Amino acid sequence: MNLDIKAIIGLGNPGPRYYYTRHNIGFRVLDALADSHHLSWQTKNNMEVAMLPLNGKQILLIKPQTFMNDSGKVIPALLKQGIKPENILVVHDELEQPFGAVKMRFGGSARGHNGLKSIIVACGDQFARIRFGISRPLVKEDVPAYVLEKFTEIPVEIDAKIAEAVQMIEQII
């Protein structure tokens, strides 16, 4: 798939309380990507941004600071810059995949993910996604608490899977 990615949005919740939770894997992947290219983050309006020079392009990295359910609030700023939905890559946690599965997908529904729902409301569903598997709890009613818990997997395993996601992003763009 030949994608013209101009912006990458990592989904998560702002603040240290949430950083190591399952729901914040999008932030952690973008932080790892930024670190590997020695980038620094700046706060602009309701987001943290960094500019990634890669393969002759300038790609905007974005971590919304609006909390997960309002992640789509960053979309109007992108649209004003001429960045269309098909130029956006969203990195998010995925309950429907086993821990550490890193998969790419274009388009589709939110599948109950409130951050994706917010983005879809703002610009439709025609954007690329990196889905980072976090597994699903046994009881459906446990999902809200589960995604806000820290990973139970060994940190080295998480770091290796984050590095895999970064490598996938670099291959896509």
N, C-alpha and C. Protein backbone atom coordinates (compact mmCIF):
# COMPACT_ATOMS: atom_id res chain seq x y z
N MET A 1 0.84 -1.18 0.00
CA MET A 1 0.00 0.00 0.00
C MET A 1 0.88 1.24 0.00
N ASN A 2 0.66 2.14 -0.93
CA ASN A 2 1.45 3.36 -1.04
C ASN A 2 0.68 4.50 -0.38
N LEU A 3 1.13 4.91 0.78
CA LEU A 3 0.45 5.96 1.54
C LEU A 3 1.26 7.24 1.51
N ASP A 4 0.58 8.36 1.46
CA ASP A 4 1.22 9.67 1.52
C ASP A 4 0.91 10.27 2.90
N ILE A 5 1.62 9.79 3.90
CA ILE A 5 1.35 10.20 5.28
C ILE A 5 2.02 11.54 5.55
N LYS A 6 1.22 12.49 6.06
CA LYS A 6 1.73 13.82 6.40
C LYS A 6 1.62 14.11 7.89
N ALA A 7 0.80 13.31 8.60
CA ALA A 7 0.64 13.49 10.04
C ALA A 7 0.41 12.14 10.69
N ILE A 8 1.03 11.95 11.86
CA ILE A 8 0.83 10.74 12.65
C ILE A 8 0.30 11.17 14.01
N ILE A 9 -0.84 10.62 14.37
CA ILE A 9 -1.47 10.93 15.65
C ILE A 9 -1.36 9.70 16.55
N GLY A 10 -0.75 9.87 17.69
CA GLY A 10 -0.70 8.80 18.69
C GLY A 10 -1.78 9.05 19.71
N LEU A 11 -2.59 8.04 19.98
CA LEU A 11 -3.69 8.23 20.93
C LEU A 11 -3.25 7.89 22.35
N GLY A 12 -3.76 8.68 23.29
CA GLY A 12 -3.46 8.48 24.70
C GLY A 12 -4.13 9.55 25.52
N ASN A 13 -3.84 9.53 26.81
CA ASN A 13 -4.34 10.53 27.75
C ASN A 13 -3.15 11.31 28.29
N PRO A 14 -3.29 12.63 28.44
CA PRO A 14 -2.16 13.43 28.94
C PRO A 14 -1.88 13.18 30.42
N GLY A 15 -0.65 13.42 30.80
CA GLY A 15 -0.27 13.35 32.20
C GLY A 15 0.43 12.07 32.59
N PRO A 16 1.31 12.17 33.59
CA PRO A 16 2.10 11.02 34.02
C PRO A 16 1.26 9.87 34.58
N ARG A 17 0.11 10.17 35.13
CA ARG A 17 -0.76 9.14 35.71
C ARG A 17 -1.14 8.07 34.68
N TYR A 18 -1.28 8.48 33.43
CA TYR A 18 -1.77 7.58 32.39
C TYR A 18 -0.67 7.02 31.49
N TYR A 19 0.54 7.56 31.58
CA TYR A 19 1.55 7.28 30.56
C TYR A 19 1.80 5.79 30.31
N TYR A 20 1.89 5.01 31.35
CA TYR A 20 2.24 3.59 31.18
C TYR A 20 1.02 2.67 31.07
N THR A 21 -0.15 3.24 30.88
CA THR A 21 -1.36 2.42 30.75
C THR A 21 -1.51 1.90 29.32
N ARG A 22 -2.35 0.89 29.19
CA ARG A 22 -2.58 0.27 27.88
C ARG A 22 -3.13 1.29 26.87
N HIS A 23 -4.01 2.17 27.34
CA HIS A 23 -4.65 3.14 26.45
C HIS A 23 -3.64 4.15 25.89
N ASN A 24 -2.48 4.26 26.49
CA ASN A 24 -1.50 5.27 26.08
C ASN A 24 -0.40 4.74 25.17
N ILE A 25 -0.59 3.57 24.62
CA ILE A 25 0.46 3.00 23.78
C ILE A 25 0.74 3.87 22.55
N GLY A 26 -0.27 4.59 22.05
CA GLY A 26 -0.05 5.50 20.92
C GLY A 26 0.94 6.60 21.26
N PHE A 27 0.83 7.16 22.46
CA PHE A 27 1.79 8.18 22.91
C PHE A 27 3.18 7.57 23.00
N ARG A 28 3.27 6.37 23.58
CA ARG A 28 4.57 5.75 23.79
C ARG A 28 5.26 5.41 22.47
N VAL A 29 4.49 4.97 21.48
CA VAL A 29 5.06 4.67 20.18
C VAL A 29 5.59 5.96 19.54
N LEU A 30 4.81 7.04 19.61
CA LEU A 30 5.28 8.31 19.03
C LEU A 30 6.49 8.86 19.79
N ASP A 31 6.51 8.69 21.10
CA ASP A 31 7.69 9.13 21.86
C ASP A 31 8.93 8.35 21.43
N ALA A 32 8.78 7.05 21.21
CA ALA A 32 9.91 6.22 20.77
C ALA A 32 10.37 6.64 19.38
N LEU A 33 9.42 6.93 18.50
CA LEU A 33 9.75 7.40 17.15
C LEU A 33 10.49 8.73 17.23
N ALA A 34 9.97 9.65 18.02
CA ALA A 34 10.61 10.97 18.18
C ALA A 34 12.01 10.82 18.79
N ASP A 35 12.14 9.97 19.81
CA ASP A 35 13.45 9.76 20.45
C ASP A 35 14.47 9.19 19.47
N SER A 36 14.03 8.27 18.61
CA SER A 36 14.96 7.64 17.68
C SER A 36 15.48 8.63 16.63
N HIS A 37 14.77 9.74 16.46
CA HIS A 37 15.20 10.78 15.52
C HIS A 37 15.63 12.06 16.23
N HIS A 38 15.80 11.97 17.55
CA HIS A 38 16.27 13.09 18.37
C HIS A 38 15.39 14.33 18.23
N LEU A 39 14.07 14.12 18.24
CA LEU A 39 13.13 15.23 18.11
C LEU A 39 12.68 15.69 19.49
N SER A 40 12.23 16.93 19.57
CA SER A 40 11.66 17.43 20.82
C SER A 40 10.20 17.84 20.57
N TRP A 41 9.42 17.75 21.60
CA TRP A 41 7.99 18.06 21.53
C TRP A 41 7.75 19.51 21.93
N GLN A 42 6.78 20.14 21.27
CA GLN A 42 6.33 21.48 21.63
C GLN A 42 4.83 21.42 21.84
N THR A 43 4.34 22.21 22.77
CA THR A 43 2.90 22.26 23.02
C THR A 43 2.29 23.38 22.18
N LYS A 44 1.29 23.02 21.39
CA LYS A 44 0.55 24.00 20.58
C LYS A 44 -0.93 23.71 20.75
N ASN A 45 -1.65 24.71 21.23
CA ASN A 45 -3.09 24.58 21.46
C ASN A 45 -3.37 23.33 22.28
N ASN A 46 -4.12 22.38 21.72
CA ASN A 46 -4.53 21.21 22.48
C ASN A 46 -3.74 19.96 22.09
N MET A 47 -2.46 20.15 21.72
CA MET A 47 -1.65 19.00 21.31
C MET A 47 -0.17 19.24 21.55
N GLU A 48 0.58 18.14 21.65
CA GLU A 48 2.03 18.20 21.62
C GLU A 48 2.42 17.80 20.20
N VAL A 49 3.36 18.54 19.61
CA VAL A 49 3.75 18.29 18.23
C VAL A 49 5.27 18.21 18.10
N ALA A 50 5.70 17.44 17.12
CA ALA A 50 7.11 17.38 16.72
C ALA A 50 7.11 17.21 15.20
N MET A 51 8.15 17.68 14.56
CA MET A 51 8.26 17.56 13.11
C MET A 51 9.34 16.53 12.79
N LEU A 52 8.94 15.50 12.05
CA LEU A 52 9.83 14.41 11.69
C LEU A 52 10.28 14.53 10.24
N PRO A 53 11.56 14.85 10.00
CA PRO A 53 12.05 14.83 8.62
C PRO A 53 12.43 13.39 8.27
N LEU A 54 11.76 12.83 7.26
CA LEU A 54 12.02 11.44 6.90
C LEU A 54 11.75 11.24 5.42
N ASN A 55 12.68 10.60 4.73
CA ASN A 55 12.53 10.29 3.31
C ASN A 55 12.16 11.53 2.48
N GLY A 56 12.77 12.65 2.81
CA GLY A 56 12.54 13.87 2.04
C GLY A 56 11.22 14.57 2.35
N LYS A 57 10.51 14.11 3.37
CA LYS A 57 9.23 14.72 3.75
C LYS A 57 9.31 15.24 5.18
N GLN A 58 8.41 16.15 5.50
CA GLN A 58 8.24 16.64 6.86
C GLN A 58 6.92 16.07 7.38
N ILE A 59 6.98 15.23 8.38
CA ILE A 59 5.78 14.58 8.90
C ILE A 59 5.50 15.10 10.30
N LEU A 60 4.29 15.55 10.50
CA LEU A 60 3.86 16.10 11.77
C LEU A 60 3.48 14.97 12.72
N LEU A 61 4.11 14.92 13.89
CA LEU A 61 3.76 13.96 14.93
C LEU A 61 2.88 14.69 15.95
N ILE A 62 1.79 14.05 16.35
CA ILE A 62 0.83 14.71 17.23
C ILE A 62 0.41 13.79 18.36
N LYS A 63 0.45 14.34 19.59
CA LYS A 63 -0.13 13.66 20.74
C LYS A 63 -1.23 14.60 21.28
N PRO A 64 -2.50 14.27 21.02
CA PRO A 64 -3.58 15.12 21.52
C PRO A 64 -3.53 15.23 23.05
N GLN A 65 -3.78 16.42 23.56
CA GLN A 65 -3.78 16.64 25.01
C GLN A 65 -5.21 16.87 25.51
N THR A 66 -6.15 16.27 24.83
CA THR A 66 -7.58 16.50 25.09
C THR A 66 -8.23 15.36 25.85
N PHE A 67 -7.50 14.35 26.21
CA PHE A 67 -7.98 13.07 26.74
C PHE A 67 -8.59 12.28 25.59
N MET A 68 -8.54 10.98 25.74
CA MET A 68 -8.86 10.04 24.67
C MET A 68 -10.18 10.34 23.96
N ASN A 69 -11.25 10.54 24.71
CA ASN A 69 -12.57 10.66 24.10
C ASN A 69 -12.73 11.89 23.21
N ASP A 70 -11.81 12.84 23.31
CA ASP A 70 -11.86 14.05 22.49
C ASP A 70 -10.65 14.17 21.55
N SER A 71 -10.05 13.05 21.20
CA SER A 71 -8.86 13.06 20.33
C SER A 71 -9.11 13.75 19.00
N GLY A 72 -10.32 13.67 18.49
CA GLY A 72 -10.66 14.27 17.20
C GLY A 72 -10.58 15.79 17.18
N LYS A 73 -10.44 16.41 18.34
CA LYS A 73 -10.35 17.88 18.38
C LYS A 73 -9.09 18.41 17.70
N VAL A 74 -8.11 17.54 17.44
CA VAL A 74 -6.89 17.99 16.75
C VAL A 74 -7.09 18.01 15.23
N ILE A 75 -8.12 17.36 14.74
CA ILE A 75 -8.33 17.22 13.29
C ILE A 75 -8.55 18.56 12.57
N PRO A 76 -9.36 19.49 13.08
CA PRO A 76 -9.54 20.76 12.35
C PRO A 76 -8.23 21.48 12.04
N ALA A 77 -7.26 21.44 12.96
CA ALA A 77 -5.97 22.09 12.71
C ALA A 77 -5.25 21.42 11.54
N LEU A 78 -5.39 20.11 11.41
CA LEU A 78 -4.76 19.40 10.29
C LEU A 78 -5.45 19.74 8.98
N LEU A 79 -6.77 19.75 9.00
CA LEU A 79 -7.52 20.06 7.79
C LEU A 79 -7.20 21.46 7.29
N LYS A 80 -7.02 22.42 8.21
CA LYS A 80 -6.65 23.79 7.83
C LYS A 80 -5.29 23.84 7.14
N GLN A 81 -4.42 22.89 7.46
CA GLN A 81 -3.09 22.83 6.85
C GLN A 81 -3.11 22.04 5.54
N GLY A 82 -4.29 21.62 5.13
CA GLY A 82 -4.40 20.86 3.88
C GLY A 82 -4.11 19.38 4.03
N ILE A 83 -4.02 18.90 5.26
CA ILE A 83 -3.78 17.48 5.50
C ILE A 83 -5.14 16.77 5.51
N LYS A 84 -5.32 15.90 4.54
CA LYS A 84 -6.59 15.19 4.38
C LYS A 84 -6.59 13.92 5.22
N PRO A 85 -7.77 13.37 5.50
CA PRO A 85 -7.82 12.13 6.29
C PRO A 85 -6.93 11.02 5.74
N GLU A 86 -6.86 10.87 4.43
CA GLU A 86 -6.04 9.80 3.85
C GLU A 86 -4.54 10.04 4.03
N ASN A 87 -4.15 11.25 4.53
CA ASN A 87 -2.75 11.56 4.81
C ASN A 87 -2.41 11.38 6.29
N ILE A 88 -3.35 10.82 7.05
CA ILE A 88 -3.19 10.68 8.50
C ILE A 88 -2.99 9.21 8.86
N LEU A 89 -2.07 8.97 9.78
CA LEU A 89 -1.85 7.66 10.37
C LEU A 89 -2.12 7.80 11.87
N VAL A 90 -3.00 6.97 12.40
CA VAL A 90 -3.34 6.99 13.83
C VAL A 90 -2.77 5.73 14.48
N VAL A 91 -2.04 5.90 15.58
CA VAL A 91 -1.49 4.78 16.33
C VAL A 91 -2.31 4.63 17.60
N HIS A 92 -2.88 3.42 17.80
CA HIS A 92 -3.78 3.23 18.95
C HIS A 92 -3.71 1.82 19.50
N ASP A 93 -4.22 1.67 20.70
CA ASP A 93 -4.35 0.37 21.34
C ASP A 93 -5.52 -0.38 20.71
N GLU A 94 -5.41 -1.70 20.66
CA GLU A 94 -6.43 -2.53 20.02
C GLU A 94 -6.77 -3.74 20.90
N LEU A 95 -7.97 -3.72 21.45
CA LEU A 95 -8.44 -4.82 22.29
C LEU A 95 -8.59 -6.13 21.53
N GLU A 96 -8.90 -6.05 20.25
CA GLU A 96 -9.20 -7.26 19.46
C GLU A 96 -7.97 -8.01 18.99
N GLN A 97 -6.79 -7.55 19.36
CA GLN A 97 -5.55 -8.21 18.98
C GLN A 97 -4.81 -8.67 20.24
N PRO A 98 -4.09 -9.78 20.17
CA PRO A 98 -3.32 -10.22 21.34
C PRO A 98 -2.22 -9.21 21.65
N PHE A 99 -1.74 -9.23 22.90
CA PHE A 99 -0.70 -8.30 23.30
C PHE A 99 0.45 -8.32 22.31
N GLY A 100 0.84 -7.14 21.89
CA GLY A 100 2.02 -6.97 21.06
C GLY A 100 1.82 -7.17 19.57
N ALA A 101 0.65 -7.62 19.15
CA ALA A 101 0.40 -7.72 17.70
C ALA A 101 0.37 -6.30 17.15
N VAL A 102 1.16 -6.04 16.12
CA VAL A 102 1.22 -4.71 15.52
C VAL A 102 0.78 -4.86 14.07
N LYS A 103 -0.37 -4.27 13.77
CA LYS A 103 -0.95 -4.43 12.43
C LYS A 103 -1.35 -3.09 11.85
N MET A 104 -1.26 -3.01 10.53
CA MET A 104 -1.67 -1.81 9.81
C MET A 104 -3.02 -2.06 9.17
N ARG A 105 -3.84 -1.03 9.14
CA ARG A 105 -5.16 -1.12 8.51
C ARG A 105 -5.51 0.26 7.96
N PHE A 106 -6.28 0.28 6.88
CA PHE A 106 -6.78 1.55 6.34
C PHE A 106 -8.30 1.53 6.42
N GLY A 107 -8.87 2.58 7.01
CA GLY A 107 -10.32 2.70 7.10
C GLY A 107 -10.92 1.72 8.09
N GLY A 108 -12.24 1.77 8.19
CA GLY A 108 -12.95 0.87 9.08
C GLY A 108 -13.59 1.59 10.25
N SER A 109 -14.25 0.82 11.06
CA SER A 109 -15.00 1.39 12.18
C SER A 109 -14.08 1.60 13.39
N ALA A 110 -14.65 2.20 14.43
CA ALA A 110 -13.91 2.45 15.66
C ALA A 110 -13.86 1.20 16.54
N ARG A 111 -14.75 0.25 16.33
CA ARG A 111 -14.83 -0.98 17.11
C ARG A 111 -14.89 -0.70 18.60
N GLY A 112 -15.62 0.36 18.97
CA GLY A 112 -15.80 0.69 20.38
C GLY A 112 -14.70 1.56 20.97
N HIS A 113 -13.67 1.90 20.21
CA HIS A 113 -12.56 2.71 20.72
C HIS A 113 -12.98 4.17 20.66
N ASN A 114 -13.11 4.81 21.82
CA ASN A 114 -13.62 6.18 21.88
C ASN A 114 -12.70 7.21 21.23
N GLY A 115 -11.39 7.00 21.29
CA GLY A 115 -10.48 7.91 20.61
C GLY A 115 -10.67 7.86 19.10
N LEU A 116 -10.81 6.65 18.56
CA LEU A 116 -11.07 6.50 17.13
C LEU A 116 -12.43 7.08 16.76
N LYS A 117 -13.43 6.85 17.61
CA LYS A 117 -14.77 7.41 17.35
C LYS A 117 -14.69 8.92 17.18
N SER A 118 -13.95 9.56 18.07
CA SER A 118 -13.82 11.01 18.04
C SER A 118 -13.15 11.47 16.73
N ILE A 119 -12.14 10.76 16.30
CA ILE A 119 -11.46 11.12 15.04
C ILE A 119 -12.39 10.88 13.85
N ILE A 120 -13.11 9.77 13.86
CA ILE A 120 -14.03 9.46 12.77
C ILE A 120 -15.13 10.52 12.67
N VAL A 121 -15.65 10.98 13.80
CA VAL A 121 -16.66 12.04 13.79
C VAL A 121 -16.08 13.30 13.15
N ALA A 122 -14.80 13.58 13.42
CA ALA A 122 -14.16 14.81 12.91
C ALA A 122 -13.79 14.75 11.43
N CYS A 123 -13.48 13.54 10.90
CA CYS A 123 -12.98 13.52 9.51
C CYS A 123 -13.38 12.28 8.71
N GLY A 124 -14.22 11.43 9.25
CA GLY A 124 -14.56 10.20 8.54
C GLY A 124 -13.57 9.10 8.87
N ASP A 125 -13.75 7.94 8.25
CA ASP A 125 -12.94 6.78 8.63
C ASP A 125 -11.84 6.43 7.63
N GLN A 126 -11.60 7.27 6.65
CA GLN A 126 -10.61 6.95 5.62
C GLN A 126 -9.22 7.44 5.97
N PHE A 127 -8.66 6.86 7.04
CA PHE A 127 -7.30 7.15 7.45
C PHE A 127 -6.62 5.83 7.82
N ALA A 128 -5.30 5.84 7.82
CA ALA A 128 -4.52 4.64 8.15
C ALA A 128 -4.39 4.51 9.66
N ARG A 129 -4.22 3.27 10.10
CA ARG A 129 -4.08 3.00 11.53
C ARG A 129 -2.99 1.97 11.77
N ILE A 130 -2.25 2.17 12.83
CA ILE A 130 -1.38 1.13 13.38
C ILE A 130 -2.11 0.67 14.64
N ARG A 131 -2.50 -0.59 14.64
CA ARG A 131 -3.26 -1.18 15.75
C ARG A 131 -2.29 -1.99 16.61
N PHE A 132 -2.11 -1.56 17.85
CA PHE A 132 -1.19 -2.21 18.78
C PHE A 132 -2.00 -3.06 19.73
N GLY A 133 -1.86 -4.37 19.61
CA GLY A 133 -2.66 -5.29 20.41
C GLY A 133 -2.39 -5.19 21.90
N ILE A 134 -3.48 -5.08 22.67
CA ILE A 134 -3.36 -5.06 24.14
C ILE A 134 -4.16 -6.20 24.77
N SER A 135 -4.76 -7.05 23.96
CA SER A 135 -5.63 -8.14 24.43
C SER A 135 -6.90 -7.56 25.04
N ARG A 136 -7.80 -8.45 25.38
CA ARG A 136 -9.10 -8.06 25.93
C ARG A 136 -9.29 -8.76 27.26
N PRO A 137 -9.86 -8.06 28.25
CA PRO A 137 -10.16 -8.75 29.50
C PRO A 137 -11.27 -9.78 29.27
N LEU A 138 -11.37 -10.73 30.16
CA LEU A 138 -12.36 -11.80 30.02
C LEU A 138 -13.79 -11.29 30.11
N VAL A 139 -14.01 -10.27 30.94
CA VAL A 139 -15.34 -9.73 31.15
C VAL A 139 -15.46 -8.37 30.46
N LYS A 140 -16.44 -8.25 29.57
CA LYS A 140 -16.61 -7.03 28.77
C LYS A 140 -16.73 -5.77 29.65
N GLU A 141 -17.40 -5.89 30.76
CA GLU A 141 -17.60 -4.73 31.65
C GLU A 141 -16.30 -4.24 32.28
N ASP A 142 -15.25 -5.05 32.21
CA ASP A 142 -13.96 -4.65 32.77
C ASP A 142 -13.13 -3.79 31.83
N VAL A 143 -13.58 -3.62 30.57
CA VAL A 143 -12.78 -2.91 29.56
C VAL A 143 -12.39 -1.49 30.01
N PRO A 144 -13.33 -0.64 30.50
CA PRO A 144 -12.90 0.72 30.86
C PRO A 144 -11.77 0.77 31.89
N ALA A 145 -11.82 -0.08 32.89
CA ALA A 145 -10.75 -0.11 33.88
C ALA A 145 -9.48 -0.75 33.30
N TYR A 146 -9.66 -1.78 32.50
CA TYR A 146 -8.53 -2.52 31.91
C TYR A 146 -7.64 -1.61 31.06
N VAL A 147 -8.23 -0.81 30.20
CA VAL A 147 -7.41 0.03 29.31
C VAL A 147 -6.66 1.12 30.09
N LEU A 148 -7.14 1.45 31.29
CA LEU A 148 -6.47 2.47 32.10
C LEU A 148 -5.51 1.87 33.12
N GLU A 149 -5.31 0.55 33.05
CA GLU A 149 -4.33 -0.12 33.90
C GLU A 149 -2.99 -0.16 33.19
N LYS A 150 -1.94 -0.30 34.00
CA LYS A 150 -0.60 -0.46 33.42
C LYS A 150 -0.50 -1.87 32.83
N PHE A 151 0.37 -2.01 31.84
CA PHE A 151 0.63 -3.32 31.26
C PHE A 151 1.13 -4.27 32.33
N THR A 152 0.73 -5.52 32.24
CA THR A 152 1.24 -6.53 33.15
C THR A 152 2.40 -7.30 32.53
N GLU A 153 2.62 -7.12 31.23
CA GLU A 153 3.72 -7.77 30.55
C GLU A 153 5.06 -7.18 31.00
N ILE A 154 6.11 -7.91 30.76
CA ILE A 154 7.46 -7.46 31.13
C ILE A 154 7.83 -6.23 30.31
N PRO A 155 8.34 -5.17 30.97
CA PRO A 155 8.70 -3.94 30.24
C PRO A 155 9.58 -4.16 29.02
N VAL A 156 10.51 -5.12 29.10
CA VAL A 156 11.39 -5.39 27.95
C VAL A 156 10.55 -5.84 26.75
N GLU A 157 9.53 -6.66 26.99
CA GLU A 157 8.64 -7.12 25.92
C GLU A 157 7.89 -5.93 25.32
N ILE A 158 7.41 -5.05 26.16
CA ILE A 158 6.66 -3.88 25.69
C ILE A 158 7.58 -3.00 24.84
N ASP A 159 8.79 -2.75 25.34
CA ASP A 159 9.73 -1.92 24.58
C ASP A 159 10.05 -2.53 23.22
N ALA A 160 10.19 -3.85 23.17
CA ALA A 160 10.48 -4.53 21.89
C ALA A 160 9.30 -4.36 20.93
N LYS A 161 8.08 -4.46 21.42
CA LYS A 161 6.90 -4.31 20.57
C LYS A 161 6.73 -2.86 20.12
N ILE A 162 7.06 -1.91 20.99
CA ILE A 162 7.03 -0.50 20.61
C ILE A 162 8.05 -0.26 19.50
N ALA A 163 9.24 -0.83 19.63
CA ALA A 163 10.26 -0.69 18.58
C ALA A 163 9.77 -1.29 17.27
N GLU A 164 9.05 -2.39 17.34
CA GLU A 164 8.47 -3.01 16.14
C GLU A 164 7.46 -2.07 15.48
N ALA A 165 6.64 -1.42 16.30
CA ALA A 165 5.66 -0.46 15.76
C ALA A 165 6.37 0.73 15.11
N VAL A 166 7.43 1.22 15.73
CA VAL A 166 8.21 2.33 15.15
C VAL A 166 8.79 1.91 13.80
N GLN A 167 9.32 0.71 13.74
CA GLN A 167 9.90 0.21 12.49
C GLN A 167 8.82 0.10 11.40
N MET A 168 7.64 -0.35 11.78
CA MET A 168 6.54 -0.45 10.81
C MET A 168 6.16 0.94 10.28
N ILE A 169 6.10 1.92 11.17
CA ILE A 169 5.77 3.29 10.77
C ILE A 169 6.81 3.80 9.78
N GLU A 170 8.08 3.60 10.09
CA GLU A 170 9.15 4.09 9.22
C GLU A 170 9.10 3.42 7.84
N GLN A 171 8.66 2.19 7.78
CA GLN A 171 8.53 1.50 6.49
C GLN A 171 7.34 2.03 5.70
N ILE A 172 6.27 2.40 6.40
CA ILE A 172 5.06 2.89 5.75
C ILE A 172 5.28 4.28 5.15
N ILE A 173 6.00 5.13 5.92
CA ILE A 173 6.18 6.50 5.45
C ILE A 173 7.50 6.62 4.74
